Amino acid sequence: MRRVHDKGLAFDLRTMSRRRLLAGLGGMGTLAFVAACGSSDSSSPAATSSSSSSSSSLTEVESETAGPYPADGSNGPDARTLDGIVRKDIRSSFGDATGTAAGVPLEFALVVKDLAGAPVTGAAVYAWHCDRDGNYSLYSTGITDQNYLRGIQETDDTGTVTFTSIFPACYSGRWPHIHFEVYPSLTEATSGSGTIVKTSQIAIPEQAADAVYATDGYTKSVSNLSQVSLATDNVFGDDSAVTELATMSGSVSAGYRATLTIAVDPAGQESGGGAPGGTPPSGAPGGTPPSGAPGGTPPSGAPGGTPPSGAPAR
């Protein structure tokens, strides 16, 4: 089992090997633009690689912590098991919650491939991120009764999932980012106990962030972004997000589209999911998810509340 946090010597050695390879290739990695695509209609019960072969191998996307606010049952509520979580548009809350997250429009797509470069079809991606104030639904003070900016999609025949959302803030201590977990199938993603194939994050390009944060509603993000870089971020800093930096197109007026192509081992397993990833940095979103919040209650014995003090922030 590969752990998302406290990755161990074997993980470090494997990571160093991948990064030497990337350096030799000029850092191109697996990032690419893809044509616009909609949500998946695939009904495949399990993630399967395309039968078409590929002569090139891809570098596996870096594993990262899911952080303190995953709402995947490992640290408080579990939004994955609720009716309505499978959706493309994640701007509004669902179920008994009715709020909508405001912000500059952002459509983001993940293209999931295996290590040989073939699309991984019938897998599922759970994605979540903060709002334009830097807060997370179900956790942050004032929005514990909301579950917006969270959703699950199934990969189509090109391995792609697409979400309609808003541009996330930059909160204190972190580079702007989007969290995601990859599961073998939609059934496993929504079961509450499915295998996590990959836990990682999407890094937002600086140029687009600068443009968005100059608009109304993102004032706090301007100073926060000026105090962090990809090289100093406590998640992306080890390699400046070489496998996690999205490509971006669009504008403030028209909205943005972010795309990241990732490579995963479809048979891989990562333990822990969003197990408590530590307290957020000073000034970052906080709060404890209440019992019975719209994201569901944690399973018996699962850790709840705020992450332990002193653990690394994510």
Protein backbone atom coordinates (compact mmCIF):
# COMPACT_ATOMS: atom_id res chain seq x y z
CA MET A 1 0.00 0.00 0.00
CA ARG A 2 1.45 3.39 -0.99
CA ARG A 3 0.83 6.07 1.62
CA VAL A 4 -0.13 9.59 0.64
CA HIS A 5 1.60 11.12 3.65
CA ASP A 6 4.78 9.85 5.29
CA LYS A 7 5.68 8.28 1.95
CA GLY A 8 8.82 6.46 3.07
CA LEU A 9 12.25 5.78 1.57
CA ALA A 10 10.99 3.56 -1.26
CA PHE A 11 8.63 6.28 -2.45
CA ASP A 12 11.41 8.89 -2.26
CA LEU A 13 13.80 6.77 -4.30
CA ARG A 14 11.13 6.12 -6.91
CA THR A 15 10.28 9.81 -7.04
CA MET A 16 13.91 10.86 -7.45
CA SER A 17 14.25 8.43 -10.33
CA ARG A 18 11.18 9.85 -12.05
CA ARG A 19 12.43 13.40 -11.65
CA ARG A 20 15.84 12.59 -13.13
CA LEU A 21 13.98 11.16 -16.12
CA LEU A 22 11.87 14.33 -16.38
CA ALA A 23 14.97 16.49 -16.30
CA GLY A 24 16.40 14.49 -19.18
CA LEU A 25 13.26 15.03 -21.16
CA GLY A 26 13.35 18.78 -20.68
CA GLY A 27 10.56 18.76 -18.08
CA MET A 28 7.79 18.22 -20.60
CA GLY A 29 6.03 15.69 -18.32
CA THR A 30 2.52 14.68 -19.21
CA LEU A 31 0.83 18.05 -19.44
CA ALA A 32 -1.24 18.66 -22.59
CA PHE A 33 -4.24 20.53 -23.94
CA VAL A 34 -7.23 18.42 -24.90
CA ALA A 35 -10.25 19.24 -27.00
CA ALA A 36 -13.30 20.43 -25.12
CA CYS A 37 -15.29 17.55 -23.80
CA GLY A 38 -18.41 16.94 -21.73
CA SER A 39 -19.22 14.70 -18.84
CA SER A 40 -19.03 10.93 -19.19
CA ASP A 41 -21.88 8.63 -20.05
CA SER A 42 -19.77 5.51 -19.66
CA SER A 43 -21.32 2.69 -17.67
CA SER A 44 -18.19 0.59 -17.33
CA PRO A 45 -18.11 -0.93 -13.83
CA ALA A 46 -14.35 -0.86 -13.51
CA ALA A 47 -11.38 1.12 -14.71
CA THR A 48 -9.80 -0.51 -17.75
CA SER A 49 -6.98 0.65 -19.97
CA SER A 50 -7.64 1.04 -23.68
CA SER A 51 -6.65 -1.95 -25.76
CA SER A 52 -4.69 0.32 -28.09
CA SER A 53 -0.98 0.17 -27.37
CA SER A 54 1.39 3.07 -26.84
CA SER A 55 5.11 3.03 -27.44
CA SER A 56 5.79 5.82 -24.93
CA SER A 57 5.74 5.59 -21.16
CA LEU A 58 4.48 8.39 -18.93
CA THR A 59 5.69 9.65 -15.59
CA GLU A 60 3.22 8.86 -12.81
CA VAL A 61 1.60 11.95 -11.31
CA GLU A 62 2.99 12.82 -7.91
CA SER A 63 1.01 11.53 -4.91
CA GLU A 64 -0.03 14.23 -2.43
CA THR A 65 -2.01 14.47 0.78
CA ALA A 66 -5.75 15.09 0.50
CA GLY A 67 -5.36 17.64 3.27
CA PRO A 68 -7.64 18.42 6.21
CA TYR A 69 -10.85 19.03 4.22
CA PRO A 70 -11.51 16.02 1.94
CA ALA A 71 -15.03 15.07 3.08
CA ASP A 72 -14.23 11.52 2.03
CA GLY A 73 -15.00 9.98 5.42
CA SER A 74 -11.40 9.93 6.60
CA ASN A 75 -11.58 13.24 8.46
CA GLY A 76 -15.19 14.03 9.24
CA PRO A 77 -18.07 13.92 6.74
CA ASP A 78 -18.27 11.77 3.61
CA ALA A 79 -19.80 13.65 0.69
CA ARG A 80 -18.98 10.83 -1.76
CA THR A 81 -21.88 8.65 -0.60
CA LEU A 82 -24.62 11.27 -1.00
CA ASP A 83 -27.20 11.28 -3.79
CA GLY A 84 -26.29 14.09 -6.15
CA ILE A 85 -22.50 13.97 -5.73
CA VAL A 86 -22.06 12.50 -9.24
CA ARG A 87 -22.24 15.66 -11.33
CA LYS A 88 -20.34 17.89 -13.72
CA ASP A 89 -21.37 21.31 -12.38
CA ILE A 90 -20.11 21.61 -8.79
CA ARG A 91 -20.79 25.30 -8.19
CA SER A 92 -23.96 24.75 -6.14
CA SER A 93 -24.68 22.64 -3.08
CA PHE A 94 -26.96 19.63 -3.40
CA GLY A 95 -29.29 17.60 -1.21
CA ASP A 96 -30.71 19.75 1.60
CA ALA A 97 -28.17 22.55 1.02
CA THR A 98 -28.96 25.38 -1.39
CA GLY A 99 -25.91 27.68 -1.53
CA THR A 100 -23.92 28.52 -4.66
CA ALA A 101 -20.24 29.45 -4.78
CA ALA A 102 -19.58 32.76 -6.54
CA GLY A 103 -16.43 33.46 -8.54
CA VAL A 104 -14.79 33.65 -11.94
CA PRO A 105 -15.96 30.66 -14.03
CA LEU A 106 -13.50 27.77 -14.34
CA GLU A 107 -13.92 24.50 -16.21
CA PHE A 108 -11.24 21.98 -15.33
CA ALA A 109 -10.51 18.64 -16.95
CA LEU A 110 -8.39 15.68 -15.90
CA VAL A 111 -7.25 13.25 -18.56
CA VAL A 112 -6.39 9.97 -16.84
CA LYS A 113 -3.94 7.64 -18.57
CA ASP A 114 -2.07 4.53 -17.56
CA LEU A 115 1.71 4.44 -17.42
CA ALA A 116 1.87 3.27 -21.03
CA GLY A 117 -0.12 6.28 -22.21
CA ALA A 118 -3.48 4.58 -22.85
CA PRO A 119 -6.72 6.20 -21.59
CA VAL A 120 -8.10 4.78 -18.34
CA THR A 121 -11.83 4.45 -18.97
CA GLY A 122 -14.60 3.80 -16.47
CA ALA A 123 -12.56 5.12 -13.55
CA ALA A 124 -13.93 7.87 -11.30
CA VAL A 125 -12.49 11.15 -10.07
CA TYR A 126 -13.62 12.90 -6.89
CA ALA A 127 -12.58 16.57 -7.01
CA TRP A 128 -12.93 19.39 -4.47
CA HIS A 129 -11.45 22.81 -3.79
CA CYS A 130 -11.90 26.01 -1.76
CA ASP A 131 -14.17 28.92 -2.69
CA ARG A 132 -13.06 32.44 -3.64
CA ASP A 133 -12.67 33.30 0.05
CA GLY A 134 -10.32 30.35 0.62
CA ASN A 135 -12.90 28.34 2.57
CA TYR A 136 -13.97 24.69 2.20
CA SER A 137 -17.58 23.59 2.34
CA LEU A 138 -18.51 21.26 5.22
CA TYR A 139 -15.52 22.45 7.26
CA SER A 140 -14.96 26.21 7.27
CA THR A 141 -16.80 28.48 9.67
CA GLY A 142 -20.04 29.76 8.16
CA ILE A 143 -20.32 27.14 5.40
CA THR A 144 -20.45 23.87 7.33
CA ASP A 145 -24.03 23.52 6.06
CA GLN A 146 -22.91 23.71 2.40
CA ASN A 147 -21.35 21.02 0.18
CA TYR A 148 -20.56 22.97 -2.98
CA LEU A 149 -17.31 22.69 -4.95
CA ARG A 150 -17.30 18.90 -4.57
CA GLY A 151 -18.23 16.32 -7.18
CA ILE A 152 -17.51 12.97 -8.82
CA GLN A 153 -17.31 12.16 -12.53
CA GLU A 154 -16.63 8.95 -14.46
CA THR A 155 -13.88 8.96 -17.09
CA ASP A 156 -15.10 8.69 -20.69
CA ASP A 157 -13.55 6.72 -23.54
CA THR A 158 -10.67 9.21 -23.69
CA GLY A 159 -10.02 8.93 -19.95
CA THR A 160 -11.38 12.44 -19.36
CA VAL A 161 -13.54 13.99 -16.65
CA THR A 162 -14.67 17.62 -16.78
CA PHE A 163 -16.03 19.80 -14.00
CA THR A 164 -17.72 23.20 -14.20
CA SER A 165 -16.67 25.30 -11.22
CA ILE A 166 -15.22 28.63 -10.09
CA PHE A 167 -11.61 29.74 -9.79
CA PRO A 168 -10.30 28.80 -6.32
CA ALA A 169 -8.68 31.34 -4.01
CA CYS A 170 -5.10 31.40 -2.83
CA TYR A 171 -5.25 31.08 0.94
CA SER A 172 -2.41 31.67 3.35
CA GLY A 173 0.49 29.25 3.02
CA ARG A 174 -0.66 27.37 -0.09
CA TRP A 175 -0.35 27.79 -3.85
CA PRO A 176 -3.80 27.83 -5.53
CA HIS A 177 -4.84 24.24 -6.16
CA ILE A 178 -7.59 21.66 -6.71
CA HIS A 179 -7.67 18.31 -4.87
CA PHE A 180 -8.61 15.01 -6.47
CA GLU A 181 -8.81 11.29 -5.79
CA VAL A 182 -8.93 8.65 -8.55
CA TYR A 183 -10.95 5.45 -7.99
CA PRO A 184 -11.16 2.26 -10.09
CA SER A 185 -14.88 2.81 -10.78
CA LEU A 186 -17.85 5.01 -10.03
CA THR A 187 -19.22 2.32 -7.74
CA GLU A 188 -16.05 2.31 -5.64
CA ALA A 189 -15.90 6.11 -5.55
CA THR A 190 -19.43 6.39 -4.16
CA SER A 191 -19.43 3.33 -1.89
CA GLY A 192 -17.67 4.99 1.01
CA SER A 193 -15.05 2.23 1.17
CA GLY A 194 -13.60 2.02 -2.34
CA THR A 195 -9.93 1.72 -3.24
CA ILE A 196 -8.09 4.97 -3.90
CA VAL A 197 -5.81 4.59 -6.90
CA LYS A 198 -4.27 8.06 -6.65
CA THR A 199 -4.55 11.13 -4.41
CA SER A 200 -3.04 14.31 -5.79
CA GLN A 201 -3.62 17.99 -6.59
CA ILE A 202 -3.81 20.28 -9.61
CA ALA A 203 -1.60 23.37 -9.48
CA ILE A 204 -3.06 26.54 -11.02
CA PRO A 205 -0.77 28.55 -13.38
CA GLU A 206 0.36 31.88 -11.96
CA GLN A 207 -0.55 34.08 -14.93
CA ALA A 208 -4.22 33.12 -14.78
CA ALA A 209 -4.26 33.43 -10.99
CA ASP A 210 -2.85 36.96 -11.17
CA ALA A 211 -5.59 38.01 -13.60
CA VAL A 212 -8.41 36.48 -11.56
CA TYR A 213 -7.19 37.76 -8.20
CA ALA A 214 -7.24 41.33 -9.53
CA THR A 215 -11.06 41.08 -9.75
CA ASP A 216 -13.68 41.77 -7.07
CA GLY A 217 -14.10 39.03 -4.50
CA TYR A 218 -10.52 37.73 -4.57
CA THR A 219 -8.79 40.55 -2.66
CA LYS A 220 -7.21 38.34 0.01
CA SER A 221 -5.67 36.10 -2.64
CA VAL A 222 -3.45 38.90 -3.98
CA SER A 223 -1.33 39.18 -0.82
CA ASN A 224 -1.45 35.42 -0.16
CA LEU A 225 -0.12 34.61 -3.64
CA SER A 226 2.68 37.17 -3.26
CA GLN A 227 3.97 35.23 -0.24
CA VAL A 228 4.19 31.78 -1.82
CA SER A 229 5.60 30.19 -4.96
CA LEU A 230 5.53 26.75 -6.52
CA ALA A 231 9.07 26.27 -5.24
CA THR A 232 8.20 27.19 -1.63
CA ASP A 233 4.73 25.61 -1.43
CA ASN A 234 4.67 22.80 1.14
CA VAL A 235 3.04 20.39 -1.32
CA PHE A 236 4.35 21.35 -4.76
CA GLY A 237 7.73 22.64 -3.59
CA ASP A 238 9.67 19.39 -3.89
CA ASP A 239 9.50 19.52 -7.71
CA SER A 240 7.57 22.74 -8.52
CA ALA A 241 4.53 20.66 -9.54
CA VAL A 242 6.20 19.25 -12.64
CA THR A 243 3.49 16.58 -13.08
CA GLU A 244 0.66 18.62 -11.55
CA LEU A 245 0.72 22.04 -13.26
CA ALA A 246 -2.34 22.49 -15.47
CA THR A 247 -2.41 24.19 -18.84
CA MET A 248 -4.81 27.12 -18.94
CA SER A 249 -6.78 28.98 -21.57
CA GLY A 250 -9.46 31.66 -21.42
CA SER A 251 -9.91 35.02 -19.71
CA VAL A 252 -11.62 36.68 -16.77
CA SER A 253 -14.52 37.82 -18.95
CA ALA A 254 -15.00 34.52 -20.80
CA GLY A 255 -13.99 32.18 -18.00
CA TYR A 256 -11.03 29.81 -17.88
CA ARG A 257 -10.38 26.18 -18.79
CA ALA A 258 -7.66 24.21 -17.00
CA THR A 259 -6.47 20.83 -18.27
CA LEU A 260 -4.10 18.34 -16.72
CA THR A 261 -3.13 14.96 -18.17
CA ILE A 262 -2.06 12.55 -15.45
CA ALA A 263 -0.59 9.07 -15.53
CA VAL A 264 -1.58 6.52 -12.88
CA ASP A 265 -1.21 2.83 -12.25
CA PRO A 266 -4.84 1.61 -12.55
CA ALA A 267 -4.04 -1.27 -10.21
CA GLY A 268 -2.36 0.97 -7.66
CA GLN A 269 -3.62 1.56 -4.13
CA GLU A 270 -2.98 4.45 -1.77
CA SER A 271 -3.97 4.19 1.85
CA GLY A 272 -5.22 6.93 4.07
CA GLY A 273 -7.07 9.06 1.56
CA GLY A 274 -7.75 12.26 3.43
CA ALA A 275 -6.60 11.00 6.81
CA PRO A 276 -5.88 14.03 8.99
CA GLY A 277 -3.31 16.03 7.07
CA GLY A 278 -2.53 18.53 9.80
CA THR A 279 -3.76 21.95 10.78
CA PRO A 280 -3.96 24.50 7.99
CA PRO A 281 -1.38 27.30 7.94
CA SER A 282 -2.11 30.50 9.85
CA GLY A 283 -4.92 32.39 8.19
CA ALA A 284 -6.09 29.38 6.18
CA PRO A 285 -9.69 28.13 6.33
CA GLY A 286 -10.64 26.45 9.56
CA GLY A 287 -13.58 25.05 11.44
CA THR A 288 -14.89 21.67 12.46
CA PRO A 289 -17.53 19.81 10.43
CA PRO A 290 -20.65 19.45 12.58
CA SER A 291 -22.24 16.09 13.22
CA GLY A 292 -24.97 15.50 10.66
CA ALA A 293 -23.70 18.08 8.16
CA PRO A 294 -24.88 17.60 4.55
CA GLY A 295 -21.73 15.69 3.75
CA GLY A 296 -22.77 12.81 5.99
CA THR A 297 -21.30 11.54 9.22
CA PRO A 298 -17.97 9.72 9.43
CA PRO A 299 -18.02 5.94 9.72
CA SER A 300 -17.70 4.42 13.17
CA GLY A 301 -14.17 4.82 14.44
CA ALA A 302 -13.15 7.30 11.75
CA PRO A 303 -11.30 10.41 12.90
CA GLY A 304 -13.42 13.52 13.16
CA GLY A 305 -13.13 17.19 13.80
CA THR A 306 -10.10 19.33 13.24
CA PRO A 307 -6.77 17.71 12.30
CA PRO A 308 -4.20 17.29 15.09
CA SER A 309 -2.07 20.28 16.04
CA GLY A 310 1.48 20.35 14.75
CA ALA A 311 1.00 17.96 11.81
CA PRO A 312 2.20 19.21 8.39
CA ALA A 313 -0.30 21.50 6.70
CA ARG A 314 -1.77 20.68 3.34
